Amino acid sequence: MSETITQLSTRLKVMWGSGALGVAVLMNSVSFLILFYLVSAVGLDPGIAGTIIFISKLVDVATDPLMGIISDRSRFRTGRRRPWLIAGAFISTLAFALLFTIPEFDRQSTTAVYALAVLVLYTIGYTVFNVPYMAMPAEMTDGYHERSSLHSWRVVFVSIGSSIAGTIAPILLEVLGQGREAYRVIAVLFSAVIFASMVACYLGTREARFTFATQTEHDVREQVRLLVTNQPFMWLISTKALQLIGVASAAATTLFFLTAYLKLSLVYLAIFGVINTVATMLMMPVYVRLSKRIGKRGAYLFSTTVFIAYSLSWVLAEPGEPLLLFFARAVLLGICLGGNILMAMSMLTDTIELDARRSGMRREGIYAAMYSFVEKFSSAFGPLVVGLILSRTGFQRDLPPEAVQEPQVLFGILLGMALIPAAVGALSLLTLWRYRLDEQTLAATPEVAGAAPVAAPTRPVVERP
């Protein structure tokens, strides 16, 4: 049995999008806090801390593609994807709680090994949830612009989750001090939010359309070739990798920049996060309309240009500048990140649909796995670079966070906060310009016939070519 779904109910969009809240709290808390936490609270050398964060992501070389294959080939009664959301919820919650409650060991090497092990567990939990989660939209709807609408709800919840990570965490650190006890409180509160969000997504998407994998004559080598020759996907993933390196670099540097460079209280960062969240959510309908008018790529190019301007604005920042300028940057960040996330995810779904039309295979999991791997690998590369820069410039981890650091250290912090993000953002404009897949091109791509449909025992599903 086959069906075409171009419109989804608002409830279904909201419930699917709700899973992104837990993902955002999980990922943004780790990206935002982990380097600062490992250096300032746990006491690891910045270079060692950045290196173990990066090494933990090498696990994704195997786990992400494996999860993609497992997700594509699963045949649960409730679909290929949803049962994995529950498993990912439990693993992610446990890993987050363990990560920010690292015991005090006598030796730095023991601490580093323990932190690495928990980071690997976090990576696995994120993969188990996020790869199937990101594969679901390509199955849920066939509508070109409906995908943007669906992903706009994801961006709303990403914004809320990012706000939780970027506002509550700084307030707790300011009130409770920046020692281990503050991070234990963060571990308990955020773990509860992560678990509740991920479980709500599972429960709320019972009515989502799903598909089963088709039988094809393509061997593994041919499947890989078809994926790599999907040029729109390769240009899109290159764009996203560059931008995520910049975002991760800034995220890893933010607490150092605020305390050591600008000499500001962390409370101001909480206000910054609220403004950023509001701006991002207000921009969602704007970007949906803008993508219909100038295309998804055009909207993405616009948001990327704003991101470059936002990053370079930090070069002009200095201690004592008007707070209005500081908070104005939060508006800029909301404008650019909202568009970057929304357009990238909507375009990813389009590239998956293009692959299905060309190959006759439903491989949403493989594509989501590659996207997730690039996302996490790039997000770990930023802290690695920042950690090495701080180590090479002589960052004094034994000093209080707000203490005066050497001029070369301050320049290293500025590199991570402004110059690296702006540089990779500019490079991403070049790769994004090469992306060529619009609504007309996708509609004109002929479909390859697939296998006969298979129905689940309790409700109809779609076996799409």
Protein backbone atom coordinates (compact mmCIF):
# COMPACT_ATOMS: atom_id res chain seq x y z
CA MET A 1 0.00 0.00 0.00
CA SER A 2 1.30 3.45 -0.80
CA GLU A 3 0.24 6.94 0.18
CA THR A 4 1.46 10.46 -0.35
CA ILE A 5 1.62 12.78 2.64
CA THR A 6 2.32 16.44 1.97
CA GLN A 7 0.70 17.92 5.11
CA LEU A 8 1.31 16.96 8.73
CA SER A 9 -0.73 17.89 11.77
CA THR A 10 0.68 20.60 14.02
CA ARG A 11 0.57 18.18 16.95
CA LEU A 12 2.77 15.66 15.14
CA LYS A 13 5.25 18.35 14.14
CA VAL A 14 5.44 19.60 17.72
CA MET A 15 5.90 16.13 19.22
CA TRP A 16 8.61 15.18 16.74
CA GLY A 17 10.32 18.52 17.26
CA SER A 18 10.22 18.08 21.04
CA GLY A 19 12.96 15.46 20.81
CA ALA A 20 15.34 18.19 19.70
CA LEU A 21 15.04 19.88 23.09
CA GLY A 22 16.78 16.96 24.79
CA VAL A 23 19.32 16.70 22.00
CA ALA A 24 20.06 20.42 22.25
CA VAL A 25 20.46 20.35 26.03
CA LEU A 26 22.71 17.32 25.68
CA MET A 27 24.89 18.58 22.86
CA ASN A 28 25.00 22.29 23.70
CA SER A 29 25.71 21.70 27.38
CA VAL A 30 28.63 19.48 26.48
CA SER A 31 29.90 21.82 23.73
CA PHE A 32 29.43 24.89 25.91
CA LEU A 33 30.67 23.58 29.26
CA ILE A 34 32.94 20.62 28.72
CA LEU A 35 36.29 22.29 27.98
CA PHE A 36 35.79 24.93 30.68
CA TYR A 37 34.61 22.24 33.13
CA LEU A 38 37.49 19.85 32.48
CA VAL A 39 40.06 22.65 32.74
CA SER A 40 38.68 24.86 35.52
CA ALA A 41 36.79 22.39 37.76
CA VAL A 42 38.40 19.02 37.06
CA GLY A 43 41.90 20.43 36.60
CA LEU A 44 43.00 18.90 33.30
CA ASP A 45 45.52 20.63 31.06
CA PRO A 46 43.66 22.44 28.20
CA GLY A 47 45.55 20.50 25.54
CA ILE A 48 44.75 17.16 27.19
CA ALA A 49 41.10 18.14 27.68
CA GLY A 50 40.68 19.19 24.06
CA THR A 51 42.42 16.04 22.85
CA ILE A 52 40.23 13.59 24.78
CA ILE A 53 37.09 15.41 23.59
CA PHE A 54 38.30 14.97 20.03
CA ILE A 55 39.36 11.34 20.50
CA SER A 56 35.94 10.44 21.87
CA LYS A 57 34.41 11.49 18.58
CA LEU A 58 36.60 9.08 16.63
CA VAL A 59 34.29 6.37 17.94
CA ASP A 60 31.69 7.82 15.57
CA VAL A 61 33.71 6.61 12.61
CA ALA A 62 32.22 3.20 13.39
CA THR A 63 29.12 3.87 15.47
CA ASP A 64 27.36 6.41 13.26
CA PRO A 65 27.40 4.37 10.02
CA LEU A 66 26.58 1.22 12.03
CA MET A 67 23.59 2.93 13.64
CA GLY A 68 22.49 4.15 10.24
CA ILE A 69 22.57 0.64 8.81
CA ILE A 70 20.82 -0.83 11.86
CA SER A 71 18.16 1.86 11.70
CA ASP A 72 17.57 1.30 7.98
CA ARG A 73 17.29 -2.48 8.36
CA SER A 74 15.24 -2.65 11.57
CA ARG A 75 11.72 -4.04 11.26
CA PHE A 76 9.99 -3.27 14.53
CA ARG A 77 6.22 -3.30 14.62
CA THR A 78 6.30 0.45 15.30
CA GLY A 79 8.73 1.21 12.48
CA ARG A 80 12.45 1.27 11.87
CA ARG A 81 13.31 4.33 13.91
CA ARG A 82 11.16 5.01 16.97
CA PRO A 83 12.21 2.13 19.30
CA TRP A 84 15.79 3.35 19.14
CA LEU A 85 14.69 6.69 20.60
CA ILE A 86 14.00 5.03 23.95
CA ALA A 87 17.37 3.27 24.03
CA GLY A 88 19.10 6.53 23.16
CA ALA A 89 17.20 8.36 25.90
CA PHE A 90 18.46 6.02 28.63
CA ILE A 91 22.08 5.97 27.44
CA SER A 92 22.26 9.74 26.87
CA THR A 93 20.79 10.54 30.28
CA LEU A 94 23.18 8.22 32.10
CA ALA A 95 26.20 9.53 30.19
CA PHE A 96 25.37 13.17 30.88
CA ALA A 97 24.94 12.52 34.59
CA LEU A 98 28.28 10.70 34.79
CA LEU A 99 30.12 13.27 32.71
CA PHE A 100 29.48 16.21 35.02
CA THR A 101 30.06 14.25 38.23
CA ILE A 102 33.62 13.08 37.54
CA PRO A 103 35.20 11.87 40.83
CA GLU A 104 38.38 13.43 42.18
CA PHE A 105 41.29 11.14 41.30
CA ASP A 106 44.85 11.45 42.55
CA ARG A 107 46.39 11.34 39.07
CA GLN A 108 45.58 13.47 36.05
CA SER A 109 46.00 10.44 33.76
CA THR A 110 43.29 8.55 35.67
CA THR A 111 40.97 11.54 35.41
CA ALA A 112 41.63 11.79 31.68
CA VAL A 113 40.87 8.09 31.10
CA TYR A 114 37.64 8.28 33.12
CA ALA A 115 36.54 11.44 31.28
CA LEU A 116 37.32 9.83 27.93
CA ALA A 117 35.26 6.72 28.79
CA VAL A 118 32.23 8.79 29.79
CA LEU A 119 32.58 10.98 26.70
CA VAL A 120 32.53 7.83 24.56
CA LEU A 121 29.33 6.72 26.32
CA TYR A 122 27.83 10.16 25.64
CA THR A 123 28.79 9.83 21.99
CA ILE A 124 27.10 6.43 21.72
CA GLY A 125 23.93 7.62 23.42
CA TYR A 126 23.72 10.65 21.17
CA THR A 127 24.16 8.42 18.12
CA VAL A 128 21.53 5.86 19.15
CA PHE A 129 18.91 8.60 19.56
CA ASN A 130 19.88 11.19 16.96
CA VAL A 131 20.53 9.06 13.87
CA PRO A 132 17.05 7.45 13.81
CA TYR A 133 15.51 10.75 14.93
CA MET A 134 17.04 12.70 12.05
CA ALA A 135 16.01 10.00 9.56
CA MET A 136 12.30 10.25 10.44
CA PRO A 137 11.31 13.44 8.51
CA ALA A 138 12.11 11.92 5.10
CA GLU A 139 9.59 9.20 5.88
CA MET A 140 7.00 11.44 7.50
CA THR A 141 6.19 13.75 4.57
CA ASP A 142 6.71 14.15 0.82
CA GLY A 143 6.07 17.91 0.82
CA TYR A 144 9.05 20.00 -0.29
CA HIS A 145 8.10 23.04 1.82
CA GLU A 146 6.36 20.93 4.48
CA ARG A 147 9.81 19.66 5.40
CA SER A 148 10.86 23.22 6.20
CA SER A 149 7.74 23.64 8.31
CA LEU A 150 8.45 20.37 10.15
CA HIS A 151 12.06 21.31 10.80
CA SER A 152 11.04 24.79 11.96
CA TRP A 153 9.50 23.12 15.02
CA ARG A 154 12.76 21.29 15.58
CA VAL A 155 14.61 24.60 15.51
CA VAL A 156 12.16 26.05 18.05
CA PHE A 157 12.94 23.23 20.46
CA VAL A 158 16.66 23.42 19.66
CA SER A 159 16.46 27.09 20.62
CA ILE A 160 14.71 26.29 23.88
CA GLY A 161 17.22 23.54 24.68
CA SER A 162 20.13 25.79 23.79
CA SER A 163 18.64 28.48 26.01
CA ILE A 164 18.42 26.03 28.91
CA ALA A 165 22.08 25.15 28.42
CA GLY A 166 23.13 28.74 27.85
CA THR A 167 21.09 30.45 30.58
CA ILE A 168 20.45 28.09 33.48
CA ALA A 169 23.99 26.71 33.49
CA PRO A 170 25.67 30.15 33.77
CA ILE A 171 23.25 31.20 36.52
CA LEU A 172 23.95 28.06 38.52
CA LEU A 173 27.69 28.53 38.05
CA GLU A 174 27.40 32.15 39.17
CA VAL A 175 25.27 31.35 42.23
CA LEU A 176 26.88 28.07 43.33
CA GLY A 177 30.41 28.90 42.31
CA GLN A 178 32.31 27.29 39.46
CA GLY A 179 33.42 24.19 41.33
CA ARG A 180 32.31 20.57 41.15
CA GLU A 181 29.16 21.04 43.25
CA ALA A 182 27.63 23.43 40.71
CA TYR A 183 28.21 20.93 37.93
CA ARG A 184 26.58 18.16 40.00
CA VAL A 185 23.41 20.24 40.21
CA ILE A 186 23.58 20.83 36.45
CA ALA A 187 24.00 17.08 35.91
CA VAL A 188 20.84 16.24 37.86
CA LEU A 189 18.60 18.97 36.41
CA PHE A 190 19.67 18.64 32.80
CA SER A 191 19.58 14.83 32.86
CA ALA A 192 15.90 15.00 33.82
CA VAL A 193 15.16 17.41 30.95
CA ILE A 194 17.04 15.26 28.44
CA PHE A 195 15.18 12.10 29.42
CA ALA A 196 11.73 13.71 29.51
CA SER A 197 12.17 15.33 26.10
CA MET A 198 13.39 12.21 24.33
CA VAL A 199 10.67 10.00 25.81
CA ALA A 200 8.00 12.57 24.90
CA CYS A 201 9.20 12.47 21.29
CA TYR A 202 8.86 8.69 21.23
CA LEU A 203 5.39 8.71 22.72
CA GLY A 204 4.14 11.60 20.60
CA THR A 205 5.12 10.22 17.19
CA ARG A 206 3.08 7.02 17.27
CA GLU A 207 1.03 8.20 14.28
CA ALA A 208 3.98 9.27 12.14
CA ARG A 209 4.24 7.52 8.79
CA PHE A 210 7.18 5.17 8.49
CA THR A 211 8.64 2.92 5.81
CA PHE A 212 10.45 -0.37 5.64
CA ALA A 213 13.65 -0.92 3.69
CA THR A 214 13.29 -2.04 0.09
CA GLN A 215 15.02 -4.99 -1.52
CA THR A 216 17.49 -3.88 -4.22
CA GLU A 217 20.14 -5.42 -6.39
CA HIS A 218 22.79 -2.92 -5.26
CA ASP A 219 25.72 -4.28 -3.26
CA VAL A 220 27.40 -2.31 -0.46
CA ARG A 221 30.04 -0.81 -2.77
CA GLU A 222 27.39 0.46 -5.15
CA GLN A 223 25.36 1.92 -2.30
CA VAL A 224 28.39 3.86 -1.07
CA ARG A 225 29.11 5.07 -4.61
CA LEU A 226 25.56 6.31 -5.02
CA LEU A 227 25.79 8.18 -1.73
CA VAL A 228 29.12 9.83 -2.52
CA THR A 229 27.95 10.79 -6.01
CA ASN A 230 24.96 12.61 -4.52
CA GLN A 231 26.59 15.98 -5.17
CA PRO A 232 23.98 18.15 -3.42
CA PHE A 233 24.46 16.08 -0.26
CA MET A 234 28.26 16.30 -0.42
CA TRP A 235 28.21 20.09 -0.87
CA LEU A 236 25.66 20.43 1.93
CA ILE A 237 27.62 18.26 4.34
CA SER A 238 30.83 20.17 3.54
CA THR A 239 29.05 23.43 4.29
CA LYS A 240 27.70 22.13 7.57
CA ALA A 241 31.08 20.73 8.65
CA LEU A 242 32.81 24.07 8.17
CA GLN A 243 30.12 25.99 9.99
CA LEU A 244 29.99 23.57 12.90
CA ILE A 245 33.74 23.89 13.43
CA GLY A 246 33.18 27.61 13.84
CA VAL A 247 30.18 27.20 16.12
CA ALA A 248 32.01 24.64 18.27
CA SER A 249 35.09 26.83 18.48
CA ALA A 250 33.01 29.75 19.74
CA ALA A 251 31.03 27.56 22.13
CA ALA A 252 34.19 26.12 23.67
CA THR A 253 35.65 29.62 24.09
CA THR A 254 32.56 31.48 25.33
CA LEU A 255 33.06 31.06 29.09
CA PHE A 256 36.76 31.91 28.79
CA PHE A 257 35.89 34.94 26.64
CA LEU A 258 33.24 36.22 29.02
CA THR A 259 35.23 35.80 32.24
CA ALA A 260 38.85 36.36 31.21
CA TYR A 261 38.43 38.68 28.18
CA LEU A 262 35.31 40.79 28.83
CA LYS A 263 35.36 40.50 32.65
CA LEU A 264 31.59 40.04 32.77
CA SER A 265 29.40 38.12 35.19
CA LEU A 266 27.95 34.86 33.88
CA VAL A 267 24.48 36.27 34.59
CA TYR A 268 24.85 38.41 31.46
CA LEU A 269 25.40 35.25 29.45
CA ALA A 270 22.05 33.95 30.71
CA ILE A 271 20.31 37.11 29.46
CA PHE A 272 22.20 36.75 26.18
CA GLY A 273 20.80 33.23 25.82
CA VAL A 274 17.21 34.33 26.40
CA ILE A 275 17.47 37.08 23.77
CA ASN A 276 19.08 34.65 21.33
CA THR A 277 16.30 32.10 21.86
CA VAL A 278 13.51 34.63 21.31
CA ALA A 279 15.18 35.96 18.16
CA THR A 280 15.63 32.45 16.78
CA MET A 281 11.99 31.47 17.32
CA LEU A 282 10.70 34.71 15.83
CA MET A 283 12.78 34.08 12.72
CA MET A 284 11.31 30.64 12.00
CA PRO A 285 8.23 31.77 10.02
CA VAL A 286 10.41 34.39 8.35
CA TYR A 287 12.83 31.76 7.05
CA VAL A 288 10.01 29.47 5.91
CA ARG A 289 8.58 32.32 3.83
CA LEU A 290 12.02 33.47 2.69
CA SER A 291 12.90 29.99 1.43
CA LYS A 292 9.74 29.95 -0.69
CA ARG A 293 10.65 33.33 -2.18
CA ILE A 294 14.40 33.01 -2.83
CA GLY A 295 14.90 29.26 -2.35
CA LYS A 296 16.38 27.29 0.49
CA ARG A 297 19.94 27.89 -0.67
CA GLY A 298 19.33 31.65 -0.88
CA ALA A 299 17.95 31.73 2.65
CA TYR A 300 20.91 29.67 3.86
CA LEU A 301 23.40 32.01 2.16
CA PHE A 302 21.76 34.96 3.90
CA SER A 303 21.93 33.38 7.36
CA THR A 304 25.56 32.36 6.83
CA THR A 305 26.51 35.91 5.90
CA VAL A 306 24.91 37.13 9.13
CA PHE A 307 26.91 34.49 11.04
CA ILE A 308 30.18 35.84 9.62
CA ALA A 309 29.21 39.39 10.59
CA TYR A 310 28.26 38.22 14.08
CA SER A 311 31.59 36.42 14.57
CA LEU A 312 33.66 39.39 13.42
CA SER A 313 31.75 41.71 15.74
CA TRP A 314 33.55 40.14 18.70
CA VAL A 315 36.86 41.55 17.42
CA LEU A 316 35.56 44.99 18.40
CA ALA A 317 34.43 43.87 21.87
CA GLU A 318 36.35 45.06 24.91
CA PRO A 319 35.88 45.23 28.68
CA GLY A 320 33.53 48.00 29.71
CA GLU A 321 31.73 48.34 26.37
CA PRO A 322 27.97 49.16 26.56
CA LEU A 323 25.88 46.13 27.42
CA LEU A 324 23.53 47.10 24.59
CA LEU A 325 26.22 46.05 22.10
CA PHE A 326 26.71 42.75 23.91
CA PHE A 327 23.01 41.93 23.79
CA ALA A 328 22.65 43.15 20.18
CA ARG A 329 24.96 40.31 19.21
CA ALA A 330 22.45 37.89 20.74
CA VAL A 331 19.89 39.08 18.20
CA LEU A 332 22.38 38.57 15.37
CA LEU A 333 23.16 35.09 16.63
CA GLY A 334 19.46 34.20 16.74
CA ILE A 335 18.98 35.41 13.17
CA CYS A 336 21.88 33.43 11.75
CA LEU A 337 21.71 30.18 13.73
CA GLY A 338 17.98 29.78 13.20
CA GLY A 339 18.42 29.94 9.44
CA ASN A 340 21.52 27.76 9.43
CA ILE A 341 19.86 24.95 11.36
CA LEU A 342 16.49 25.11 9.60
CA MET A 343 17.76 25.33 6.04
CA ALA A 344 20.48 22.71 6.50
CA MET A 345 18.03 20.15 7.88
CA SER A 346 15.35 20.86 5.28
CA MET A 347 17.92 20.57 2.49
CA LEU A 348 19.26 17.33 4.00
CA THR A 349 15.79 15.81 3.70
CA ASP A 350 15.66 16.90 0.06
CA THR A 351 18.98 15.19 -0.68
CA ILE A 352 17.65 11.99 0.91
CA GLU A 353 14.59 12.16 -1.31
CA LEU A 354 16.83 12.68 -4.35
CA ASP A 355 18.80 9.56 -3.45
CA ALA A 356 15.61 7.51 -3.05
CA ARG A 357 14.37 8.61 -6.47
CA ARG A 358 17.69 7.75 -8.14
CA SER A 359 18.56 4.51 -6.36
CA GLY A 360 15.23 2.99 -5.41
CA MET A 361 16.49 2.52 -1.83
CA ARG A 362 15.21 3.97 1.43
CA ARG A 363 18.45 4.90 3.19
CA GLU A 364 17.44 7.71 5.51
CA GLY A 365 19.49 6.15 8.32
CA ILE A 366 22.75 6.16 6.37
CA TYR A 367 22.32 9.82 5.44
CA ALA A 368 21.35 10.79 8.97
CA ALA A 369 24.38 8.85 10.26
CA MET A 370 26.78 10.69 7.97
CA TYR A 371 25.22 14.00 8.94
CA SER A 372 25.41 13.11 12.64
CA PHE A 373 29.03 12.02 12.31
CA VAL A 374 30.04 15.27 10.63
CA GLU A 375 28.06 17.19 13.24
CA LYS A 376 29.79 15.54 16.19
CA PHE A 377 33.25 15.32 14.61
CA SER A 378 33.20 19.02 13.70
CA SER A 379 31.85 19.90 17.14
CA ALA A 380 34.79 18.08 18.72
CA PHE A 381 37.34 19.64 16.37
CA GLY A 382 36.51 23.12 17.71
CA PRO A 383 37.36 22.29 21.36
CA LEU A 384 40.50 20.47 20.19
CA VAL A 385 41.77 23.57 18.40
CA VAL A 386 40.81 25.89 21.25
CA GLY A 387 42.35 23.60 23.86
CA LEU A 388 45.63 23.41 21.96
CA ILE A 389 45.67 27.18 21.43
CA LEU A 390 45.13 27.85 25.14
CA SER A 391 47.80 25.31 26.06
CA ARG A 392 50.34 26.74 23.59
CA THR A 393 49.68 30.35 24.65
CA GLY A 394 50.24 29.53 28.32
CA PHE A 395 46.75 29.59 29.80
CA GLN A 396 47.01 29.35 33.59
CA ARG A 397 44.36 26.85 34.69
CA ASP A 398 45.19 27.27 38.38
CA LEU A 399 44.08 30.90 38.38
CA PRO A 400 40.45 31.90 39.05
CA PRO A 401 38.41 32.08 35.80
CA GLU A 402 38.18 35.89 35.97
CA ALA A 403 41.92 36.37 36.65
CA VAL A 404 44.09 38.42 34.31
CA GLN A 405 45.77 36.21 31.70
CA GLU A 406 48.76 37.03 29.52
CA PRO A 407 48.11 39.05 26.29
CA GLN A 408 48.91 36.05 24.08
CA VAL A 409 46.32 34.01 25.98
CA LEU A 410 43.69 36.69 25.40
CA PHE A 411 44.51 36.69 21.69
CA GLY A 412 44.12 32.92 21.64
CA ILE A 413 40.69 33.29 23.23
CA LEU A 414 39.78 35.88 20.58
CA LEU A 415 40.88 33.45 17.87
CA GLY A 416 38.49 30.81 19.12
CA MET A 417 35.59 33.21 19.66
CA ALA A 418 35.76 35.36 16.53
CA LEU A 419 38.45 34.74 13.92
CA ILE A 420 38.16 30.96 13.46
CA PRO A 421 34.33 31.04 13.20
CA ALA A 422 34.45 33.91 10.71
CA ALA A 423 37.09 32.21 8.57
CA VAL A 424 35.32 28.86 8.29
CA GLY A 425 32.01 30.66 7.79
CA ALA A 426 33.48 32.44 4.77
CA LEU A 427 34.72 29.13 3.37
CA SER A 428 31.26 27.62 3.81
CA LEU A 429 29.80 30.25 1.49
CA LEU A 430 31.89 28.74 -1.31
CA THR A 431 30.68 25.18 -0.72
CA LEU A 432 27.08 26.28 -0.23
CA TRP A 433 27.16 28.15 -3.53
CA ARG A 434 27.87 24.85 -5.29
CA TYR A 435 24.69 23.24 -3.90
CA ARG A 436 22.22 22.75 -6.76
CA LEU A 437 18.93 21.15 -5.73
CA ASP A 438 15.68 23.07 -5.79
CA GLU A 439 12.03 22.09 -5.90
CA GLN A 440 11.91 21.91 -9.70
CA THR A 441 15.04 19.76 -9.98
CA LEU A 442 13.76 17.33 -7.37
CA ALA A 443 10.33 17.06 -8.98
CA ALA A 444 11.89 16.41 -12.38
CA THR A 445 14.03 13.51 -11.09
CA PRO A 446 12.39 10.22 -12.17
CA GLU A 447 11.70 7.59 -9.53
CA VAL A 448 13.19 4.10 -9.68
CA ALA A 449 10.65 1.37 -8.92
CA GLY A 450 11.19 -0.41 -5.60
CA ALA A 451 9.99 -3.58 -3.97
CA ALA A 452 6.43 -4.41 -2.99
CA PRO A 453 5.15 -2.68 0.13
CA VAL A 454 5.17 -4.38 3.51
CA ALA A 455 2.58 -3.64 6.18
CA ALA A 456 3.04 -3.59 9.94
CA PRO A 457 0.68 -5.74 12.03
CA THR A 458 -1.16 -2.87 13.70
CA ARG A 459 -1.34 -0.06 11.18
CA PRO A 460 -0.49 0.60 7.53
CA VAL A 461 2.98 1.71 6.57
CA VAL A 462 4.52 2.72 3.30
CA GLU A 463 7.09 0.79 1.34
CA ARG A 464 8.32 3.59 -0.86
CA PRO A 465 10.54 3.17 -3.89
